[in-house]
Amino acid sequence: MEKMELAETPLPLLSLNHVSFVCKSVSESVKFYEDVLGFLLIKRPSSFKFEGAWLFNYGIGIHLLESEKVPVKKREINPKENHISFQCSDMKVIMQKLDAMKIEYVTAVVEEGGIKVDQLFFHDPDGYMIEICNCQNLPVLPISSCPLKQLGGEATFKINCFAEESMSMLMMDNFVMDMLKISI
């Protein structure tokens, strides 16, 4: 492939691997992500010479890095700030469990084309925001139609365009394969 072609196409990525959070206490954060969100502590490379932990579930990893220089926890829960989001099947159960754990949260509802999505936001021990939602109710729709790329002036081709149904099937196939890998 020529340099021009390489620069005009997206990176050939596979999936999101992990998110990383700096925390004041790895043990406190591990307990939160295990007990509240259901993550499992996994082995991390022994070559790391700093305090940290790796957790995994739902096809994604969370890497925790201990540091005394953690930003001050935000007092107010603001859904318009940076956050990580998880989907769930029953928002009522989530609220009951958070209430039982005495975790403060705020709720919101997004409506689009008659479809309602319930959202719930709360902080982890270091103030990082977490969203739980039933976002799977909202279809994933590309904003534009499949773009045509111009090559060398005249030739055109379509790039990775899927109808909504094909995209949903591809996403479900990837999910099933991830679950099979985890259960082996």
N, C-alpha and C. Protein backbone atom coordinates (compact mmCIF):
# COMPACT_ATOMS: atom_id res chain seq x y z
N MET A 1 0.84 -1.19 0.00
CA MET A 1 0.00 0.00 0.00
C MET A 1 0.87 1.24 0.00
N GLU A 2 0.48 2.22 -0.76
CA GLU A 2 1.23 3.46 -0.81
C GLU A 2 0.97 4.29 0.44
N LYS A 3 1.90 5.22 0.75
CA LYS A 3 1.74 6.08 1.92
C LYS A 3 0.46 6.88 1.85
N MET A 4 0.08 7.38 0.68
CA MET A 4 -1.13 8.19 0.52
C MET A 4 -2.35 7.36 0.91
N GLU A 5 -2.41 6.11 0.44
CA GLU A 5 -3.54 5.24 0.76
C GLU A 5 -3.59 4.95 2.26
N LEU A 6 -2.45 4.69 2.87
CA LEU A 6 -2.40 4.41 4.30
C LEU A 6 -2.92 5.59 5.11
N ALA A 7 -2.57 6.79 4.72
CA ALA A 7 -2.99 7.98 5.46
C ALA A 7 -4.48 8.25 5.32
N GLU A 8 -5.11 7.70 4.30
CA GLU A 8 -6.52 8.00 4.04
C GLU A 8 -7.48 6.96 4.62
N THR A 9 -6.96 5.93 5.27
CA THR A 9 -7.83 4.92 5.85
C THR A 9 -7.64 4.89 7.36
N PRO A 10 -8.67 4.50 8.10
CA PRO A 10 -8.55 4.43 9.56
C PRO A 10 -7.55 3.35 9.98
N LEU A 11 -7.11 3.42 11.22
CA LEU A 11 -6.23 2.40 11.77
C LEU A 11 -6.96 1.06 11.78
N PRO A 12 -6.27 -0.06 11.53
CA PRO A 12 -6.93 -1.37 11.50
C PRO A 12 -7.10 -1.95 12.91
N LEU A 13 -7.99 -1.37 13.69
CA LEU A 13 -8.19 -1.77 15.08
C LEU A 13 -9.12 -2.98 15.18
N LEU A 14 -9.01 -3.71 16.28
CA LEU A 14 -9.87 -4.87 16.53
C LEU A 14 -10.99 -4.56 17.51
N SER A 15 -10.64 -3.96 18.65
CA SER A 15 -11.64 -3.67 19.68
C SER A 15 -11.01 -2.80 20.76
N LEU A 16 -11.84 -2.33 21.67
CA LEU A 16 -11.35 -1.62 22.85
C LEU A 16 -10.81 -2.67 23.80
N ASN A 17 -9.59 -2.51 24.29
CA ASN A 17 -8.96 -3.48 25.16
C ASN A 17 -9.17 -3.16 26.63
N HIS A 18 -8.85 -1.95 27.05
CA HIS A 18 -9.00 -1.59 28.46
C HIS A 18 -9.09 -0.08 28.62
N VAL A 19 -9.52 0.31 29.80
CA VAL A 19 -9.43 1.70 30.23
C VAL A 19 -8.53 1.70 31.46
N SER A 20 -7.84 2.79 31.67
CA SER A 20 -6.88 2.87 32.76
C SER A 20 -7.24 4.03 33.67
N PHE A 21 -7.23 3.77 34.99
CA PHE A 21 -7.54 4.81 35.97
C PHE A 21 -6.42 4.90 37.00
N VAL A 22 -6.02 6.12 37.31
CA VAL A 22 -5.08 6.36 38.39
C VAL A 22 -5.91 6.45 39.67
N CYS A 23 -5.48 5.74 40.71
CA CYS A 23 -6.26 5.73 41.96
C CYS A 23 -5.35 5.90 43.17
N LYS A 24 -5.95 6.34 44.27
CA LYS A 24 -5.17 6.54 45.51
C LYS A 24 -4.86 5.22 46.19
N SER A 25 -5.80 4.28 46.12
CA SER A 25 -5.62 2.99 46.77
C SER A 25 -6.06 1.88 45.82
N VAL A 26 -5.10 1.10 45.34
CA VAL A 26 -5.43 0.00 44.44
C VAL A 26 -6.38 -0.98 45.12
N SER A 27 -6.11 -1.32 46.38
CA SER A 27 -6.95 -2.31 47.06
C SER A 27 -8.40 -1.82 47.21
N GLU A 28 -8.58 -0.54 47.54
CA GLU A 28 -9.94 0.01 47.66
C GLU A 28 -10.65 0.02 46.31
N SER A 29 -9.94 0.39 45.26
CA SER A 29 -10.54 0.42 43.92
C SER A 29 -10.84 -0.99 43.41
N VAL A 30 -9.94 -1.94 43.65
CA VAL A 30 -10.20 -3.33 43.25
C VAL A 30 -11.47 -3.83 43.92
N LYS A 31 -11.60 -3.57 45.22
CA LYS A 31 -12.80 -4.00 45.95
C LYS A 31 -14.06 -3.40 45.32
N PHE A 32 -14.02 -2.12 44.98
CA PHE A 32 -15.17 -1.45 44.36
C PHE A 32 -15.52 -2.10 43.01
N TYR A 33 -14.52 -2.27 42.14
CA TYR A 33 -14.80 -2.81 40.81
C TYR A 33 -15.22 -4.29 40.86
N GLU A 34 -14.75 -5.03 41.86
CA GLU A 34 -15.20 -6.41 42.04
C GLU A 34 -16.61 -6.45 42.63
N ASP A 35 -16.81 -5.78 43.76
CA ASP A 35 -18.07 -5.88 44.50
C ASP A 35 -19.23 -5.15 43.84
N VAL A 36 -18.97 -3.99 43.25
CA VAL A 36 -20.05 -3.18 42.68
C VAL A 36 -20.30 -3.54 41.22
N LEU A 37 -19.24 -3.65 40.43
CA LEU A 37 -19.42 -3.84 38.98
C LEU A 37 -19.16 -5.27 38.50
N GLY A 38 -18.71 -6.16 39.37
CA GLY A 38 -18.56 -7.56 38.98
C GLY A 38 -17.31 -7.89 38.18
N PHE A 39 -16.28 -7.05 38.26
CA PHE A 39 -15.03 -7.35 37.56
C PHE A 39 -14.23 -8.38 38.34
N LEU A 40 -13.35 -9.09 37.64
CA LEU A 40 -12.50 -10.10 38.25
C LEU A 40 -11.05 -9.65 38.17
N LEU A 41 -10.33 -9.82 39.27
CA LEU A 41 -8.91 -9.50 39.30
C LEU A 41 -8.17 -10.53 38.45
N ILE A 42 -7.31 -10.06 37.53
CA ILE A 42 -6.55 -10.96 36.67
C ILE A 42 -5.06 -10.67 36.82
N LYS A 43 -4.25 -11.61 36.37
CA LYS A 43 -2.79 -11.46 36.45
C LYS A 43 -2.32 -10.33 35.54
N ARG A 44 -1.40 -9.54 36.07
CA ARG A 44 -0.77 -8.50 35.25
C ARG A 44 0.72 -8.81 35.16
N PRO A 45 1.40 -8.30 34.15
CA PRO A 45 2.82 -8.63 33.99
C PRO A 45 3.65 -8.31 35.24
N SER A 46 4.48 -9.25 35.64
CA SER A 46 5.31 -9.06 36.84
C SER A 46 6.45 -8.08 36.59
N SER A 47 6.67 -7.71 35.34
CA SER A 47 7.75 -6.76 35.04
C SER A 47 7.39 -5.32 35.43
N PHE A 48 6.11 -5.07 35.71
CA PHE A 48 5.72 -3.73 36.16
C PHE A 48 6.29 -3.48 37.55
N LYS A 49 6.98 -2.36 37.71
CA LYS A 49 7.62 -2.04 38.99
C LYS A 49 6.87 -0.91 39.70
N PHE A 50 5.56 -0.93 39.60
CA PHE A 50 4.73 0.07 40.28
C PHE A 50 3.44 -0.62 40.72
N GLU A 51 2.81 -0.04 41.73
CA GLU A 51 1.60 -0.61 42.30
C GLU A 51 0.44 -0.47 41.31
N GLY A 52 -0.27 -1.56 41.11
CA GLY A 52 -1.41 -1.52 40.20
C GLY A 52 -2.14 -2.84 40.19
N ALA A 53 -3.21 -2.91 39.42
CA ALA A 53 -4.00 -4.13 39.29
C ALA A 53 -4.73 -4.12 37.96
N TRP A 54 -4.98 -5.31 37.44
CA TRP A 54 -5.78 -5.46 36.23
C TRP A 54 -7.04 -6.24 36.59
N LEU A 55 -8.15 -5.77 36.05
CA LEU A 55 -9.43 -6.45 36.23
C LEU A 55 -10.05 -6.68 34.86
N PHE A 56 -10.96 -7.67 34.77
CA PHE A 56 -11.57 -7.96 33.48
C PHE A 56 -13.00 -8.48 33.67
N ASN A 57 -13.89 -8.06 32.77
CA ASN A 57 -15.24 -8.62 32.61
C ASN A 57 -15.91 -7.88 31.47
N TYR A 58 -16.97 -8.44 30.96
CA TYR A 58 -17.79 -7.81 29.91
C TYR A 58 -16.98 -7.51 28.65
N GLY A 59 -15.91 -8.27 28.43
CA GLY A 59 -15.10 -8.06 27.24
C GLY A 59 -14.17 -6.88 27.30
N ILE A 60 -13.97 -6.31 28.48
CA ILE A 60 -13.09 -5.14 28.61
C ILE A 60 -12.27 -5.24 29.90
N GLY A 61 -11.08 -4.68 29.85
CA GLY A 61 -10.22 -4.64 31.03
C GLY A 61 -10.23 -3.26 31.67
N ILE A 62 -10.00 -3.25 32.97
CA ILE A 62 -9.79 -2.00 33.71
C ILE A 62 -8.42 -2.13 34.37
N HIS A 63 -7.54 -1.19 34.08
CA HIS A 63 -6.21 -1.18 34.68
C HIS A 63 -6.16 -0.07 35.71
N LEU A 64 -5.75 -0.42 36.91
CA LEU A 64 -5.64 0.55 38.00
C LEU A 64 -4.18 0.82 38.30
N LEU A 65 -3.83 2.07 38.44
CA LEU A 65 -2.46 2.50 38.74
C LEU A 65 -2.49 3.34 40.00
N GLU A 66 -1.72 2.96 41.01
CA GLU A 66 -1.75 3.71 42.27
C GLU A 66 -0.83 4.92 42.20
N SER A 67 -1.34 6.05 42.70
CA SER A 67 -0.57 7.29 42.74
C SER A 67 -1.16 8.21 43.80
N GLU A 68 -0.28 8.98 44.43
CA GLU A 68 -0.75 9.97 45.40
C GLU A 68 -1.31 11.20 44.70
N LYS A 69 -1.03 11.35 43.43
CA LYS A 69 -1.45 12.54 42.67
C LYS A 69 -2.76 12.28 41.92
N VAL A 70 -3.79 11.91 42.63
CA VAL A 70 -5.10 11.67 42.02
C VAL A 70 -5.92 12.95 42.16
N PRO A 71 -6.58 13.38 41.08
CA PRO A 71 -7.41 14.59 41.19
C PRO A 71 -8.45 14.45 42.31
N VAL A 72 -8.80 15.57 42.91
CA VAL A 72 -9.77 15.57 44.00
C VAL A 72 -11.11 15.06 43.47
N LYS A 73 -11.76 14.20 44.27
CA LYS A 73 -13.06 13.65 43.89
C LYS A 73 -14.07 14.77 43.69
N LYS A 74 -14.79 14.69 42.60
CA LYS A 74 -15.83 15.68 42.33
C LYS A 74 -16.98 15.47 43.31
N ARG A 75 -17.55 16.55 43.80
CA ARG A 75 -18.64 16.46 44.77
C ARG A 75 -19.97 16.17 44.08
N GLU A 76 -20.16 16.74 42.92
CA GLU A 76 -21.44 16.63 42.23
C GLU A 76 -21.31 15.62 41.08
N ILE A 77 -22.36 14.84 40.90
CA ILE A 77 -22.38 13.88 39.79
C ILE A 77 -22.94 14.61 38.58
N ASN A 78 -22.10 14.78 37.56
CA ASN A 78 -22.50 15.52 36.37
C ASN A 78 -22.41 14.60 35.15
N PRO A 79 -23.56 14.15 34.60
CA PRO A 79 -23.55 13.24 33.46
C PRO A 79 -22.86 13.78 32.21
N LYS A 80 -22.58 15.08 32.18
CA LYS A 80 -21.95 15.68 31.00
C LYS A 80 -20.42 15.69 31.11
N GLU A 81 -19.87 14.94 32.06
CA GLU A 81 -18.42 14.84 32.20
C GLU A 81 -17.95 13.49 31.67
N ASN A 82 -16.63 13.30 31.60
CA ASN A 82 -16.06 12.03 31.14
C ASN A 82 -16.59 10.89 32.00
N HIS A 83 -16.90 9.77 31.35
CA HIS A 83 -17.36 8.60 32.09
C HIS A 83 -17.19 7.34 31.26
N ILE A 84 -17.27 6.20 31.93
CA ILE A 84 -17.30 4.91 31.27
C ILE A 84 -18.71 4.37 31.46
N SER A 85 -19.25 3.73 30.43
CA SER A 85 -20.65 3.30 30.48
C SER A 85 -20.78 1.80 30.29
N PHE A 86 -21.70 1.21 31.07
CA PHE A 86 -22.01 -0.21 30.97
C PHE A 86 -23.50 -0.37 30.70
N GLN A 87 -23.85 -1.35 29.87
CA GLN A 87 -25.25 -1.64 29.60
C GLN A 87 -25.75 -2.67 30.59
N CYS A 88 -27.05 -2.62 30.88
CA CYS A 88 -27.66 -3.61 31.75
C CYS A 88 -29.05 -3.95 31.22
N SER A 89 -29.62 -5.03 31.75
CA SER A 89 -30.95 -5.44 31.29
C SER A 89 -32.06 -4.98 32.22
N ASP A 90 -31.74 -4.62 33.47
CA ASP A 90 -32.78 -4.25 34.42
C ASP A 90 -32.32 -3.09 35.31
N MET A 91 -32.72 -1.89 34.94
CA MET A 91 -32.31 -0.69 35.68
C MET A 91 -32.84 -0.69 37.12
N LYS A 92 -34.02 -1.25 37.34
CA LYS A 92 -34.59 -1.27 38.70
C LYS A 92 -33.70 -2.07 39.64
N VAL A 93 -33.21 -3.21 39.17
CA VAL A 93 -32.32 -4.02 40.00
C VAL A 93 -31.03 -3.26 40.30
N ILE A 94 -30.50 -2.57 39.31
CA ILE A 94 -29.28 -1.77 39.51
C ILE A 94 -29.51 -0.73 40.60
N MET A 95 -30.64 0.00 40.52
CA MET A 95 -30.93 1.03 41.53
C MET A 95 -31.10 0.41 42.91
N GLN A 96 -31.77 -0.73 43.00
CA GLN A 96 -31.95 -1.40 44.30
C GLN A 96 -30.60 -1.79 44.89
N LYS A 97 -29.72 -2.34 44.06
CA LYS A 97 -28.40 -2.76 44.55
C LYS A 97 -27.55 -1.56 44.98
N LEU A 98 -27.57 -0.48 44.19
CA LEU A 98 -26.81 0.71 44.57
C LEU A 98 -27.36 1.32 45.86
N ASP A 99 -28.68 1.33 46.00
CA ASP A 99 -29.29 1.81 47.25
C ASP A 99 -28.83 0.96 48.43
N ALA A 100 -28.84 -0.36 48.27
CA ALA A 100 -28.41 -1.26 49.34
C ALA A 100 -26.94 -1.05 49.70
N MET A 101 -26.12 -0.69 48.70
CA MET A 101 -24.69 -0.43 48.93
C MET A 101 -24.43 0.99 49.39
N LYS A 102 -25.50 1.80 49.47
CA LYS A 102 -25.41 3.20 49.87
C LYS A 102 -24.49 4.01 48.94
N ILE A 103 -24.64 3.76 47.64
CA ILE A 103 -23.88 4.50 46.62
C ILE A 103 -24.80 5.55 46.02
N GLU A 104 -24.39 6.80 46.13
CA GLU A 104 -25.18 7.92 45.60
C GLU A 104 -25.13 7.92 44.08
N TYR A 105 -26.27 8.18 43.45
CA TYR A 105 -26.34 8.23 41.99
C TYR A 105 -27.40 9.23 41.55
N VAL A 106 -27.32 9.61 40.28
CA VAL A 106 -28.36 10.44 39.67
C VAL A 106 -28.86 9.70 38.43
N THR A 107 -30.11 9.97 38.08
CA THR A 107 -30.71 9.31 36.92
C THR A 107 -31.06 10.33 35.85
N ALA A 108 -31.18 9.83 34.64
CA ALA A 108 -31.60 10.66 33.51
C ALA A 108 -32.31 9.74 32.52
N VAL A 109 -33.11 10.35 31.65
CA VAL A 109 -33.79 9.61 30.59
C VAL A 109 -33.53 10.32 29.28
N VAL A 110 -33.14 9.56 28.27
CA VAL A 110 -32.95 10.10 26.93
C VAL A 110 -34.04 9.47 26.07
N GLU A 111 -34.71 10.31 25.27
CA GLU A 111 -35.74 9.78 24.38
C GLU A 111 -35.43 10.20 22.95
N GLU A 112 -35.51 9.22 22.06
CA GLU A 112 -35.24 9.47 20.64
C GLU A 112 -36.21 8.64 19.83
N GLY A 113 -37.05 9.29 19.06
CA GLY A 113 -37.99 8.59 18.18
C GLY A 113 -38.90 7.63 18.92
N GLY A 114 -39.33 8.00 20.12
CA GLY A 114 -40.22 7.16 20.91
C GLY A 114 -39.51 6.08 21.71
N ILE A 115 -38.19 5.97 21.57
CA ILE A 115 -37.41 4.99 22.32
C ILE A 115 -36.81 5.68 23.53
N LYS A 116 -37.01 5.10 24.72
CA LYS A 116 -36.47 5.68 25.95
C LYS A 116 -35.26 4.88 26.42
N VAL A 117 -34.25 5.61 26.83
CA VAL A 117 -33.05 5.01 27.42
C VAL A 117 -32.89 5.58 28.82
N ASP A 118 -32.84 4.68 29.81
CA ASP A 118 -32.63 5.10 31.20
C ASP A 118 -31.14 5.10 31.48
N GLN A 119 -30.69 6.14 32.17
CA GLN A 119 -29.28 6.27 32.52
C GLN A 119 -29.15 6.50 34.03
N LEU A 120 -28.06 6.02 34.58
CA LEU A 120 -27.77 6.18 35.99
C LEU A 120 -26.27 6.47 36.10
N PHE A 121 -25.90 7.46 36.90
CA PHE A 121 -24.50 7.88 37.01
C PHE A 121 -24.06 7.89 38.47
N PHE A 122 -22.83 7.42 38.73
CA PHE A 122 -22.25 7.47 40.07
C PHE A 122 -20.74 7.49 39.96
N HIS A 123 -20.06 7.71 41.08
CA HIS A 123 -18.59 7.79 41.09
C HIS A 123 -17.98 6.54 41.70
N ASP A 124 -16.77 6.23 41.25
CA ASP A 124 -15.98 5.20 41.92
C ASP A 124 -15.25 5.88 43.09
N PRO A 125 -14.46 5.16 43.89
CA PRO A 125 -13.82 5.77 45.06
C PRO A 125 -12.94 6.98 44.76
N ASP A 126 -12.42 7.09 43.53
CA ASP A 126 -11.55 8.21 43.18
C ASP A 126 -12.26 9.31 42.40
N GLY A 127 -13.57 9.20 42.26
CA GLY A 127 -14.32 10.25 41.59
C GLY A 127 -14.52 10.05 40.09
N TYR A 128 -14.06 8.91 39.54
CA TYR A 128 -14.32 8.64 38.12
C TYR A 128 -15.79 8.27 37.96
N MET A 129 -16.41 8.84 36.95
CA MET A 129 -17.84 8.63 36.77
C MET A 129 -18.12 7.35 35.99
N ILE A 130 -19.17 6.67 36.44
CA ILE A 130 -19.63 5.44 35.81
C ILE A 130 -21.09 5.62 35.45
N GLU A 131 -21.44 5.19 34.25
CA GLU A 131 -22.84 5.21 33.81
C GLU A 131 -23.31 3.77 33.65
N ILE A 132 -24.53 3.52 34.07
CA ILE A 132 -25.21 2.26 33.78
C ILE A 132 -26.45 2.65 32.99
N CYS A 133 -26.71 1.95 31.89
CA CYS A 133 -27.86 2.32 31.05
C CYS A 133 -28.43 1.09 30.36
N ASN A 134 -29.60 1.31 29.78
CA ASN A 134 -30.17 0.30 28.89
C ASN A 134 -30.06 0.83 27.46
N CYS A 135 -28.85 1.27 27.12
CA CYS A 135 -28.57 1.88 25.81
C CYS A 135 -28.79 0.93 24.65
N GLN A 136 -28.85 -0.37 24.93
CA GLN A 136 -29.10 -1.33 23.87
C GLN A 136 -30.48 -1.11 23.24
N ASN A 137 -31.36 -0.36 23.92
CA ASN A 137 -32.67 -0.03 23.35
C ASN A 137 -32.57 0.90 22.16
N LEU A 138 -31.49 1.67 22.11
CA LEU A 138 -31.32 2.67 21.05
C LEU A 138 -30.50 2.06 19.91
N PRO A 139 -31.04 2.03 18.69
CA PRO A 139 -30.28 1.44 17.59
C PRO A 139 -29.04 2.26 17.25
N VAL A 140 -28.01 1.57 16.80
CA VAL A 140 -26.78 2.23 16.35
C VAL A 140 -26.95 2.51 14.86
N LEU A 141 -27.08 3.79 14.52
CA LEU A 141 -27.32 4.19 13.14
C LEU A 141 -26.22 5.12 12.66
N PRO A 142 -25.57 4.79 11.55
CA PRO A 142 -24.56 5.70 11.00
C PRO A 142 -25.20 7.04 10.66
N ILE A 143 -24.48 8.14 10.87
CA ILE A 143 -25.00 9.47 10.58
C ILE A 143 -25.09 9.72 9.09
N SER A 144 -24.14 9.22 8.34
CA SER A 144 -24.15 9.46 6.90
C SER A 144 -24.26 8.13 6.15
N SER A 145 -24.61 8.21 4.89
CA SER A 145 -24.64 7.01 4.07
C SER A 145 -23.20 6.57 3.81
N CYS A 146 -23.03 5.42 3.25
CA CYS A 146 -21.69 4.91 2.98
C CYS A 146 -20.94 5.85 2.07
N PRO A 147 -19.81 6.37 2.54
CA PRO A 147 -19.06 7.33 1.72
C PRO A 147 -18.33 6.64 0.58
N LEU A 148 -18.15 7.36 -0.49
CA LEU A 148 -17.35 6.88 -1.61
C LEU A 148 -16.00 7.58 -1.54
N LYS A 149 -14.94 6.81 -1.66
CA LYS A 149 -13.59 7.38 -1.63
C LYS A 149 -13.07 7.51 -3.05
N GLN A 150 -12.37 8.57 -3.30
CA GLN A 150 -11.78 8.82 -4.62
C GLN A 150 -10.35 8.29 -4.62
N LEU A 151 -10.02 7.48 -5.61
CA LEU A 151 -8.66 6.96 -5.75
C LEU A 151 -8.10 7.39 -7.09
N GLY A 152 -7.02 8.11 -7.09
CA GLY A 152 -6.35 8.47 -8.33
C GLY A 152 -7.22 9.23 -9.31
N GLY A 153 -8.20 9.96 -8.84
CA GLY A 153 -9.00 10.81 -9.70
C GLY A 153 -10.29 10.21 -10.20
N GLU A 154 -10.32 8.91 -10.60
CA GLU A 154 -11.53 8.39 -11.23
C GLU A 154 -12.14 7.19 -10.52
N ALA A 155 -11.32 6.26 -10.10
CA ALA A 155 -11.86 5.03 -9.51
C ALA A 155 -12.47 5.32 -8.14
N THR A 156 -13.59 4.70 -7.85
CA THR A 156 -14.22 4.86 -6.54
C THR A 156 -14.50 3.48 -5.95
N PHE A 157 -14.59 3.43 -4.64
CA PHE A 157 -14.99 2.19 -3.99
C PHE A 157 -15.68 2.53 -2.67
N LYS A 158 -16.49 1.59 -2.19
CA LYS A 158 -17.17 1.79 -0.91
C LYS A 158 -16.30 1.20 0.19
N ILE A 159 -16.29 1.86 1.34
CA ILE A 159 -15.47 1.36 2.45
C ILE A 159 -16.35 0.91 3.60
N ASN A 160 -16.14 -0.29 4.06
CA ASN A 160 -16.77 -0.85 5.26
C ASN A 160 -18.13 -0.28 5.60
N CYS A 161 -19.08 -0.40 4.74
CA CYS A 161 -20.42 0.09 5.01
C CYS A 161 -21.34 -1.09 5.26
N PHE A 162 -22.07 -1.01 6.35
CA PHE A 162 -22.99 -2.08 6.71
C PHE A 162 -24.38 -1.50 6.87
N ALA A 163 -25.39 -2.25 6.46
CA ALA A 163 -26.76 -1.87 6.80
C ALA A 163 -26.89 -2.08 8.30
N GLU A 164 -27.86 -1.45 8.91
CA GLU A 164 -28.03 -1.54 10.37
C GLU A 164 -28.11 -3.00 10.81
N GLU A 165 -28.84 -3.83 10.09
CA GLU A 165 -29.00 -5.23 10.45
C GLU A 165 -27.67 -5.97 10.38
N SER A 166 -26.89 -5.73 9.35
CA SER A 166 -25.59 -6.39 9.21
C SER A 166 -24.65 -5.98 10.33
N MET A 167 -24.66 -4.69 10.70
CA MET A 167 -23.81 -4.20 11.79
C MET A 167 -24.21 -4.86 13.10
N SER A 168 -25.52 -4.96 13.36
CA SER A 168 -26.00 -5.60 14.58
C SER A 168 -25.56 -7.05 14.64
N MET A 169 -25.66 -7.76 13.52
CA MET A 169 -25.26 -9.16 13.47
C MET A 169 -23.75 -9.30 13.72
N LEU A 170 -22.96 -8.44 13.11
CA LEU A 170 -21.52 -8.47 13.31
C LEU A 170 -21.17 -8.22 14.77
N MET A 171 -21.82 -7.24 15.39
CA MET A 171 -21.57 -6.93 16.79
C MET A 171 -21.95 -8.11 17.68
N MET A 172 -23.09 -8.77 17.39
CA MET A 172 -23.53 -9.91 18.19
C MET A 172 -22.57 -11.09 17.99
N ASP A 173 -22.12 -11.34 16.76
CA ASP A 173 -21.16 -12.42 16.51
C ASP A 173 -19.88 -12.19 17.32
N ASN A 174 -19.38 -10.96 17.33
CA ASN A 174 -18.17 -10.64 18.10
C ASN A 174 -18.40 -10.87 19.59
N PHE A 175 -19.57 -10.48 20.09
CA PHE A 175 -19.91 -10.66 21.50
C PHE A 175 -19.91 -12.15 21.85
N VAL A 176 -20.57 -12.97 21.02
CA VAL A 176 -20.65 -14.41 21.27
C VAL A 176 -19.25 -15.02 21.27
N MET A 177 -18.41 -14.62 20.32
CA MET A 177 -17.05 -15.15 20.26
C MET A 177 -16.25 -14.76 21.51
N ASP A 178 -16.43 -13.53 21.99
CA ASP A 178 -15.76 -13.09 23.21
C ASP A 178 -16.21 -13.94 24.39
N MET A 179 -17.50 -14.22 24.48
CA MET A 179 -18.03 -15.01 25.59
C MET A 179 -17.48 -16.45 25.52
N LEU A 180 -17.36 -17.01 24.33
CA LEU A 180 -16.80 -18.35 24.19
C LEU A 180 -15.35 -18.39 24.64
N LYS A 181 -14.58 -17.36 24.29
CA LYS A 181 -13.17 -17.29 24.70
C LYS A 181 -13.06 -17.24 26.22
N ILE A 182 -13.96 -16.49 26.87
CA ILE A 182 -13.92 -16.34 28.32
C ILE A 182 -14.25 -17.66 29.00
N SER A 183 -15.21 -18.43 28.46
CA SER A 183 -15.67 -19.64 29.12
C SER A 183 -14.73 -20.83 28.93
N ILE A 184 -13.76 -20.70 28.04
CA ILE A 184 -12.84 -21.83 27.78
C ILE A 184 -11.80 -21.92 28.86
